[in-house]
Amino acid sequence: MQCQKHNKKMIQRDISNIIKNDFHKGKVLVLMGARQVGKTTLFQELSNSFEKKLLLNCDNYDSRMLLENRTSTELEQLIKNYDVVLIDEAQKVKNIGLTLKMIADLKKPVQVLVTGSVSFVIANEINEPATGRLFEYRLFPLSLHELTMHTSHIEEHRLLKQRMIYGMYPEVVTNPDDAKRILTNLANNYLYRDLLEYRGIKKPDVLQKLVQALALQIGSEVSYNELSRLVGIDKATVESYVDLLEKCYVIFRLKAFSRNMRTEIKRGRKIYFYDNGIRNALISNFAPPELRSDSGALWENMMISERLKRNALHQSYAQNYFWRTMQQSEIDLIEEMDGKLTAFEFKWGNKKSKMPQSFSENYPETHLEIVSPDNYIDFVS
């Protein structure tokens, strides 16, 4: 693996200015995302402009106890002398939504910043009680756009194969020589920690088996029935685990696009990983692209996850799908926005591609773009 040196300047996250613009609007700001993507680092950097700071790390019992089962008066006493309060790992606090509602209702001139790594706990516990009092954001692993802004187009293009294999978790990017160990540790110890603490997960070995099975099927249609047989659990449990993995920001699903063709697959799904490095760690394969049989699938996974990061940042309401017919005609990604369709095909090699005839006949207004290592920059930035 090529050694890569980054200058010491912190990599600027695209979302930081959006969050900064929401300071002092009377809202609690909640940043969600997978573990180790840089949520705490980002909020600590943003809170540097404040003089008086209170940091509560809710991994620690003492910090949790300052927030659990408190009255408004007690919470007011806790925060009143500070300009900013950072509540880290908020999902560990029982009834955190109610606590945040009470803090917001105090209407104090203190900016409250909250991080959480599990949306299924945070979303359930925050949204109900604290409706209208929060602004929520999602943080992903680093994006190609952020890295390009940090170094240059030329440098990032040089490192494209490296990014495709090792992904873009911040610690991996800043410590490339230690990437394998960092990713293996992430995949083994952090990926499931929140899930295993969740009351519904009783068999970590089954979860591990399921995630590895999904890792081997990126870019392919997945069958819950087939996964059920493979892993040895019933189909309903497979669905439930896949749903939880998505809510933990490990994977995401694309549904099949179908409108008016009888031969279109209507109920299919593809599953991708938010980060290629995590995916490769799960199957213990860090071989370079030229020595792999799955380079095309890795390119597709990387580009679709980059597009999702881009759309989330731009607050785009585009819906994403894949398209396939029973005759195996297919398109990797369909983006629907304001009734308009755009089709994308992802090509790692020099293969030519054209719109399947049946698709162009049924959706004649749709434009097809081929995304390759020669032209991906516009697609992701």
Protein backbone atom coordinates (compact mmCIF):
# COMPACT_ATOMS: atom_id res chain seq x y z
CA MET A 1 0.00 0.00 0.00
CA GLN A 2 1.34 3.41 -0.91
CA CYS A 3 2.39 5.58 1.96
CA GLN A 4 0.49 8.81 2.01
CA LYS A 5 1.26 11.83 4.15
CA HIS A 6 -1.43 14.32 5.01
CA ASN A 7 -0.61 17.76 6.25
CA LYS A 8 -1.59 18.28 9.86
CA LYS A 9 -4.42 20.63 9.05
CA MET A 10 -7.73 19.05 9.92
CA ILE A 11 -9.82 17.82 6.99
CA GLN A 12 -12.70 20.25 6.63
CA ARG A 13 -16.10 18.51 6.71
CA ASP A 14 -18.56 19.80 4.10
CA ILE A 15 -21.39 19.87 6.62
CA SER A 16 -19.62 22.09 9.17
CA ASN A 17 -20.76 25.40 7.62
CA ILE A 18 -24.36 24.18 7.42
CA ILE A 19 -24.26 23.35 11.14
CA LYS A 20 -22.52 26.63 12.01
CA ASN A 21 -25.26 28.58 10.25
CA ASP A 22 -27.80 26.91 12.55
CA PHE A 23 -26.16 28.11 15.78
CA HIS A 24 -28.24 30.42 18.00
CA LYS A 25 -31.57 29.61 16.38
CA GLY A 26 -32.99 28.17 19.60
CA LYS A 27 -32.59 24.57 18.42
CA VAL A 28 -30.75 21.57 19.83
CA LEU A 29 -28.36 20.38 17.08
CA VAL A 30 -28.17 16.58 16.74
CA LEU A 31 -25.41 14.91 14.68
CA MET A 32 -25.93 11.22 13.89
CA GLY A 33 -23.79 8.67 12.11
CA ALA A 34 -21.79 5.47 12.51
CA ARG A 35 -19.15 5.15 15.19
CA GLN A 36 -15.72 6.59 14.38
CA VAL A 37 -16.80 8.82 11.48
CA GLY A 38 -15.71 11.98 13.32
CA LYS A 39 -18.88 13.30 15.02
CA THR A 40 -17.18 14.26 18.30
CA THR A 41 -14.17 15.76 16.50
CA LEU A 42 -16.44 17.91 14.33
CA PHE A 43 -18.53 19.21 17.24
CA GLN A 44 -15.43 19.86 19.36
CA GLU A 45 -13.96 21.88 16.50
CA LEU A 46 -17.21 23.83 16.05
CA SER A 47 -17.42 24.53 19.79
CA ASN A 48 -13.92 26.09 19.82
CA SER A 49 -15.45 29.47 19.03
CA PHE A 50 -17.26 29.40 22.39
CA GLU A 51 -15.52 30.50 25.57
CA LYS A 52 -17.34 28.46 28.23
CA LYS A 53 -17.86 24.81 27.27
CA LEU A 54 -19.38 21.81 29.04
CA LEU A 55 -18.55 18.37 27.59
CA LEU A 56 -20.64 15.42 28.75
CA ASN A 57 -19.43 12.05 27.43
CA CYS A 58 -22.35 9.71 28.03
CA ASP A 59 -20.16 6.64 27.70
CA ASN A 60 -19.30 7.64 31.29
CA TYR A 61 -21.76 6.82 34.05
CA ASP A 62 -21.25 10.16 35.86
CA SER A 63 -22.14 12.17 32.74
CA ARG A 64 -25.24 10.05 32.15
CA MET A 65 -26.42 10.57 35.70
CA LEU A 66 -26.22 14.35 35.25
CA LEU A 67 -28.87 14.05 32.51
CA GLU A 68 -31.13 11.16 33.55
CA ASN A 69 -34.35 11.76 35.52
CA ARG A 70 -33.62 15.45 36.09
CA THR A 71 -36.05 18.27 36.70
CA SER A 72 -36.00 21.46 34.62
CA THR A 73 -34.48 23.28 37.58
CA GLU A 74 -31.63 20.77 37.85
CA LEU A 75 -30.95 20.95 34.12
CA GLU A 76 -30.95 24.74 34.26
CA GLN A 77 -28.38 24.65 37.05
CA LEU A 78 -26.25 22.27 34.96
CA ILE A 79 -26.11 24.39 31.78
CA LYS A 80 -26.68 27.99 32.82
CA ASN A 81 -23.01 29.03 33.13
CA TYR A 82 -21.98 27.77 29.70
CA ASP A 83 -22.07 29.07 26.12
CA VAL A 84 -22.11 25.58 24.61
CA VAL A 85 -22.98 22.12 25.95
CA LEU A 86 -21.76 19.07 24.02
CA ILE A 87 -23.59 15.83 24.85
CA ASP A 88 -21.61 12.97 23.32
CA GLU A 89 -23.03 9.44 22.73
CA ALA A 90 -26.48 10.66 23.78
CA GLN A 91 -28.12 7.34 22.92
CA LYS A 92 -26.74 6.01 26.24
CA VAL A 93 -29.03 8.35 28.24
CA LYS A 94 -32.46 6.99 29.16
CA ASN A 95 -35.30 9.20 27.89
CA ILE A 96 -32.80 11.54 26.22
CA GLY A 97 -35.58 13.05 24.09
CA LEU A 98 -37.42 14.27 27.17
CA THR A 99 -34.20 15.69 28.63
CA LEU A 100 -33.47 17.60 25.41
CA LYS A 101 -37.04 18.89 25.25
CA MET A 102 -36.71 20.26 28.79
CA ILE A 103 -33.34 21.88 27.97
CA ALA A 104 -34.74 23.46 24.77
CA ASP A 105 -37.80 24.74 26.66
CA LEU A 106 -35.56 26.59 29.14
CA LYS A 107 -34.81 29.01 26.25
CA LYS A 108 -31.33 29.72 27.61
CA PRO A 109 -28.71 31.39 25.36
CA VAL A 110 -26.66 28.17 25.36
CA GLN A 111 -26.06 26.13 22.22
CA VAL A 112 -26.63 22.41 22.82
CA LEU A 113 -24.80 20.00 20.50
CA VAL A 114 -25.66 16.29 20.62
CA THR A 115 -23.99 13.28 18.98
CA GLY A 116 -25.47 9.81 18.63
CA SER A 117 -24.34 6.71 16.80
CA VAL A 118 -27.54 4.70 16.62
CA SER A 119 -30.45 6.26 14.84
CA PHE A 120 -32.94 3.62 15.92
CA VAL A 121 -32.44 4.55 19.59
CA ILE A 122 -31.89 8.27 19.10
CA ALA A 123 -34.67 8.78 16.55
CA ASN A 124 -37.22 6.87 18.60
CA GLU A 125 -36.28 8.57 21.83
CA ILE A 126 -35.67 12.08 20.52
CA ASN A 127 -38.27 12.83 17.89
CA GLU A 128 -41.42 12.14 19.84
CA PRO A 129 -40.78 14.34 22.89
CA ALA A 130 -38.59 16.95 21.18
CA THR A 131 -40.58 17.61 18.00
CA GLY A 132 -39.82 21.04 16.57
CA ARG A 133 -36.91 21.63 18.94
CA LEU A 134 -34.16 19.89 16.97
CA PHE A 135 -32.15 20.24 13.81
CA GLU A 136 -30.74 16.86 12.74
CA TYR A 137 -27.73 16.11 10.52
CA ARG A 138 -25.99 12.96 9.31
CA LEU A 139 -22.22 12.52 9.20
CA PHE A 140 -20.70 9.86 6.94
CA PRO A 141 -17.13 8.65 6.51
CA LEU A 142 -15.08 11.23 4.60
CA SER A 143 -16.20 11.95 1.05
CA LEU A 144 -14.08 12.19 -2.09
CA HIS A 145 -15.14 15.82 -2.35
CA GLU A 146 -13.87 16.60 1.18
CA LEU A 147 -10.57 14.86 0.46
CA THR A 148 -10.20 16.66 -2.87
CA MET A 149 -10.70 19.99 -1.12
CA HIS A 150 -8.08 18.95 1.47
CA THR A 151 -5.42 17.84 -1.02
CA SER A 152 -6.18 18.26 -4.74
CA HIS A 153 -7.96 16.57 -7.65
CA ILE A 154 -4.64 15.22 -8.88
CA GLU A 155 -3.66 13.76 -5.50
CA GLU A 156 -7.05 12.15 -4.90
CA HIS A 157 -7.11 10.69 -8.39
CA ARG A 158 -3.68 9.18 -7.70
CA LEU A 159 -5.09 7.61 -4.52
CA LEU A 160 -8.36 6.42 -6.09
CA LYS A 161 -7.49 2.70 -5.97
CA GLN A 162 -6.42 3.08 -2.36
CA ARG A 163 -9.74 4.74 -1.45
CA MET A 164 -11.63 2.01 -3.30
CA ILE A 165 -9.98 -0.74 -1.25
CA TYR A 166 -9.47 0.90 2.18
CA GLY A 167 -12.41 3.31 2.23
CA MET A 168 -12.56 6.70 3.87
CA TYR A 169 -12.98 6.45 7.61
CA PRO A 170 -11.04 9.42 9.03
CA GLU A 171 -8.52 7.32 10.97
CA VAL A 172 -7.85 5.17 7.89
CA VAL A 173 -7.24 8.24 5.73
CA THR A 174 -4.88 9.88 8.24
CA ASN A 175 -3.02 6.62 9.08
CA PRO A 176 -2.84 4.78 5.75
CA ASP A 177 0.03 2.50 6.78
CA ASP A 178 -2.11 1.11 9.59
CA ALA A 179 -5.32 0.88 7.54
CA LYS A 180 -5.78 -2.91 7.66
CA ARG A 181 -5.49 -3.05 11.44
CA ILE A 182 -7.78 -0.04 11.96
CA LEU A 183 -10.46 -1.44 9.63
CA THR A 184 -10.31 -4.94 11.10
CA ASN A 185 -10.68 -3.45 14.58
CA LEU A 186 -13.58 -1.28 13.40
CA ALA A 187 -15.33 -4.21 11.72
CA ASN A 188 -14.85 -6.56 14.68
CA ASN A 189 -15.34 -4.24 17.65
CA TYR A 190 -17.25 -1.11 16.72
CA LEU A 191 -19.60 -2.12 13.94
CA TYR A 192 -21.88 -4.17 16.15
CA ARG A 193 -21.35 -2.62 19.55
CA ASP A 194 -24.52 -0.56 19.46
CA LEU A 195 -26.50 -3.37 17.89
CA LEU A 196 -25.38 -5.89 20.51
CA GLU A 197 -26.41 -3.52 23.28
CA TYR A 198 -29.84 -3.33 21.69
CA ARG A 199 -32.24 -5.74 23.35
CA GLY A 200 -33.27 -7.53 20.15
CA ILE A 201 -29.82 -8.90 19.24
CA LYS A 202 -28.97 -12.13 21.02
CA LYS A 203 -26.62 -13.92 18.62
CA PRO A 204 -23.55 -11.90 17.60
CA ASP A 205 -22.16 -14.83 15.56
CA VAL A 206 -25.34 -14.88 13.44
CA LEU A 207 -25.09 -11.13 12.88
CA GLN A 208 -21.43 -11.51 11.84
CA LYS A 209 -22.38 -14.26 9.38
CA LEU A 210 -25.19 -12.16 7.91
CA VAL A 211 -22.99 -9.08 7.40
CA GLN A 212 -20.31 -11.19 5.72
CA ALA A 213 -22.95 -12.70 3.42
CA LEU A 214 -24.14 -9.19 2.51
CA ALA A 215 -20.53 -8.09 1.92
CA LEU A 216 -20.12 -10.87 -0.63
CA GLN A 217 -23.24 -9.76 -2.50
CA ILE A 218 -22.69 -6.02 -3.03
CA GLY A 219 -24.02 -4.90 -6.38
CA SER A 220 -26.17 -8.05 -6.66
CA GLU A 221 -29.81 -8.48 -5.85
CA VAL A 222 -30.26 -10.06 -2.43
CA SER A 223 -32.89 -12.57 -1.43
CA TYR A 224 -33.95 -12.65 2.22
CA ASN A 225 -35.03 -16.27 1.74
CA GLU A 226 -31.58 -17.20 0.46
CA LEU A 227 -29.86 -15.28 3.28
CA SER A 228 -32.13 -17.01 5.78
CA ARG A 229 -30.98 -20.45 4.55
CA LEU A 230 -27.35 -19.35 4.39
CA VAL A 231 -27.20 -17.88 7.90
CA GLY A 232 -29.61 -20.29 9.59
CA ILE A 233 -32.23 -17.85 10.89
CA ASP A 234 -35.78 -17.19 9.74
CA LYS A 235 -36.57 -14.64 7.03
CA ALA A 236 -38.26 -12.21 9.45
CA THR A 237 -35.08 -12.09 11.59
CA VAL A 238 -32.96 -11.46 8.48
CA GLU A 239 -35.23 -8.54 7.55
CA SER A 240 -35.09 -7.17 11.07
CA TYR A 241 -31.26 -7.42 11.26
CA VAL A 242 -30.86 -5.79 7.82
CA ASP A 243 -33.13 -2.96 8.98
CA LEU A 244 -31.03 -2.45 12.13
CA LEU A 245 -27.76 -2.52 10.16
CA GLU A 246 -29.19 0.20 7.93
CA LYS A 247 -30.21 2.26 10.95
CA CYS A 248 -26.67 1.89 12.30
CA TYR A 249 -25.32 3.39 9.06
CA VAL A 250 -23.41 0.22 8.12
CA ILE A 251 -25.41 -0.57 4.96
CA PHE A 252 -28.13 0.96 2.81
CA ARG A 253 -30.71 -0.52 0.45
CA LEU A 254 -31.74 0.34 -3.09
CA LYS A 255 -35.22 -0.70 -4.17
CA ALA A 256 -36.15 -1.79 -7.67
CA PHE A 257 -37.58 0.88 -9.98
CA SER A 258 -40.75 -0.08 -11.82
CA ARG A 259 -43.54 1.93 -13.37
CA ASN A 260 -45.12 0.61 -16.49
CA MET A 261 -43.36 -2.48 -17.83
CA ARG A 262 -44.73 -5.94 -17.08
CA THR A 263 -41.23 -7.46 -17.25
CA GLU A 264 -39.69 -5.09 -14.66
CA ILE A 265 -38.62 -6.61 -11.37
CA LYS A 266 -40.79 -4.84 -8.83
CA ARG A 267 -39.88 -6.13 -5.38
CA GLY A 268 -36.12 -6.60 -5.59
CA ARG A 269 -33.47 -4.94 -3.46
CA LYS A 270 -29.71 -4.41 -3.59
CA ILE A 271 -27.62 -3.78 -0.49
CA TYR A 272 -24.50 -1.61 -0.40
CA PHE A 273 -22.04 -0.55 2.30
CA TYR A 274 -21.44 3.07 3.27
CA ASP A 275 -17.69 2.34 3.25
CA ASN A 276 -15.66 0.04 1.01
CA GLY A 277 -12.97 -0.43 3.65
CA ILE A 278 -15.46 -1.87 6.16
CA ARG A 279 -16.85 -4.15 3.47
CA ASN A 280 -13.38 -5.44 2.55
CA ALA A 281 -12.46 -5.92 6.23
CA LEU A 282 -15.54 -8.11 6.69
CA ILE A 283 -14.36 -10.51 3.97
CA SER A 284 -10.63 -10.03 4.85
CA ASN A 285 -9.69 -9.01 1.32
CA PHE A 286 -7.52 -5.92 0.79
CA ALA A 287 -6.03 -7.04 -2.54
CA PRO A 288 -5.59 -4.25 -5.13
CA PRO A 289 -8.27 -3.82 -7.84
CA GLU A 290 -6.21 -5.50 -10.58
CA LEU A 291 -6.02 -8.73 -8.54
CA ARG A 292 -9.74 -8.91 -7.69
CA SER A 293 -12.83 -10.33 -9.36
CA ASP A 294 -15.11 -7.81 -7.60
CA SER A 295 -13.51 -4.51 -8.73
CA GLY A 296 -16.61 -3.55 -10.73
CA ALA A 297 -18.85 -4.12 -7.70
CA LEU A 298 -16.47 -2.13 -5.47
CA TRP A 299 -16.48 0.80 -7.92
CA GLU A 300 -20.29 0.69 -8.05
CA ASN A 301 -20.53 0.55 -4.23
CA MET A 302 -18.12 3.45 -3.81
CA MET A 303 -19.81 5.67 -6.40
CA ILE A 304 -23.36 5.07 -5.11
CA SER A 305 -22.34 5.73 -1.50
CA GLU A 306 -20.52 8.91 -2.62
CA ARG A 307 -23.66 10.03 -4.46
CA LEU A 308 -25.73 9.48 -1.30
CA LYS A 309 -23.26 11.61 0.71
CA ARG A 310 -23.46 14.33 -1.94
CA ASN A 311 -27.27 14.29 -2.05
CA ALA A 312 -27.55 14.35 1.75
CA LEU A 313 -25.23 17.37 1.93
CA HIS A 314 -27.20 19.26 -0.72
CA GLN A 315 -30.45 18.28 1.00
CA SER A 316 -31.51 16.76 -2.30
CA TYR A 317 -34.76 14.84 -2.22
CA ALA A 318 -33.76 12.53 -5.07
CA GLN A 319 -35.05 8.98 -4.79
CA ASN A 320 -32.55 6.25 -5.71
CA TYR A 321 -33.30 2.89 -7.33
CA PHE A 322 -31.78 0.18 -9.48
CA TRP A 323 -33.59 -1.21 -12.53
CA ARG A 324 -33.76 -4.75 -13.88
CA THR A 325 -36.05 -6.86 -16.03
CA MET A 326 -36.79 -10.56 -15.92
CA GLN A 327 -34.64 -10.83 -19.06
CA GLN A 328 -31.67 -9.46 -17.04
CA SER A 329 -31.47 -6.03 -18.71
CA GLU A 330 -30.30 -3.68 -15.97
CA ILE A 331 -29.20 -0.18 -14.96
CA ASP A 332 -27.06 0.35 -11.84
CA LEU A 333 -28.68 3.54 -10.52
CA ILE A 334 -31.83 5.48 -11.35
CA GLU A 335 -32.21 8.87 -9.70
CA GLU A 336 -35.68 10.43 -9.65
CA MET A 337 -36.03 14.10 -8.82
CA ASP A 338 -39.08 16.30 -9.42
CA GLY A 339 -40.49 13.69 -11.80
CA LYS A 340 -37.30 13.60 -13.89
CA LEU A 341 -35.23 10.41 -14.25
CA THR A 342 -31.46 10.14 -14.70
CA ALA A 343 -29.77 6.77 -15.24
CA PHE A 344 -26.18 5.94 -14.24
CA GLU A 345 -23.95 3.01 -15.13
CA PHE A 346 -20.67 2.48 -13.25
CA LYS A 347 -17.73 1.12 -15.24
CA TRP A 348 -14.35 0.45 -13.63
CA GLY A 349 -12.78 -0.87 -16.85
CA ASN A 350 -13.08 0.32 -20.44
CA LYS A 351 -16.31 -1.49 -21.23
CA LYS A 352 -18.80 0.41 -23.34
CA SER A 353 -22.36 0.72 -22.14
CA LYS A 354 -25.61 1.89 -23.62
CA MET A 355 -29.15 2.30 -22.41
CA PRO A 356 -31.12 -0.99 -22.60
CA GLN A 357 -33.56 -0.65 -25.48
CA SER A 358 -36.60 -1.65 -23.40
CA PHE A 359 -35.78 1.10 -20.90
CA SER A 360 -35.29 3.84 -23.50
CA GLU A 361 -38.54 2.86 -25.21
CA ASN A 362 -40.53 3.04 -21.97
CA TYR A 363 -38.72 6.04 -20.44
CA PRO A 364 -37.65 8.04 -23.52
CA GLU A 365 -36.86 11.26 -21.64
CA THR A 366 -34.21 9.60 -19.43
CA HIS A 367 -30.57 10.56 -19.89
CA LEU A 368 -27.86 7.88 -19.29
CA GLU A 369 -24.46 8.78 -17.81
CA ILE A 370 -21.51 6.39 -17.68
CA VAL A 371 -19.41 7.00 -14.54
CA SER A 372 -15.82 5.77 -14.80
CA PRO A 373 -12.45 6.65 -13.21
CA ASP A 374 -12.04 9.13 -16.08
CA ASN A 375 -15.06 11.31 -15.29
CA TYR A 376 -16.36 10.58 -11.74
CA ILE A 377 -15.51 13.98 -10.22
CA ASP A 378 -18.69 15.77 -11.36
CA PHE A 379 -20.83 12.84 -10.20
CA VAL A 380 -19.54 12.96 -6.61
CA SER A 381 -19.00 16.70 -6.07
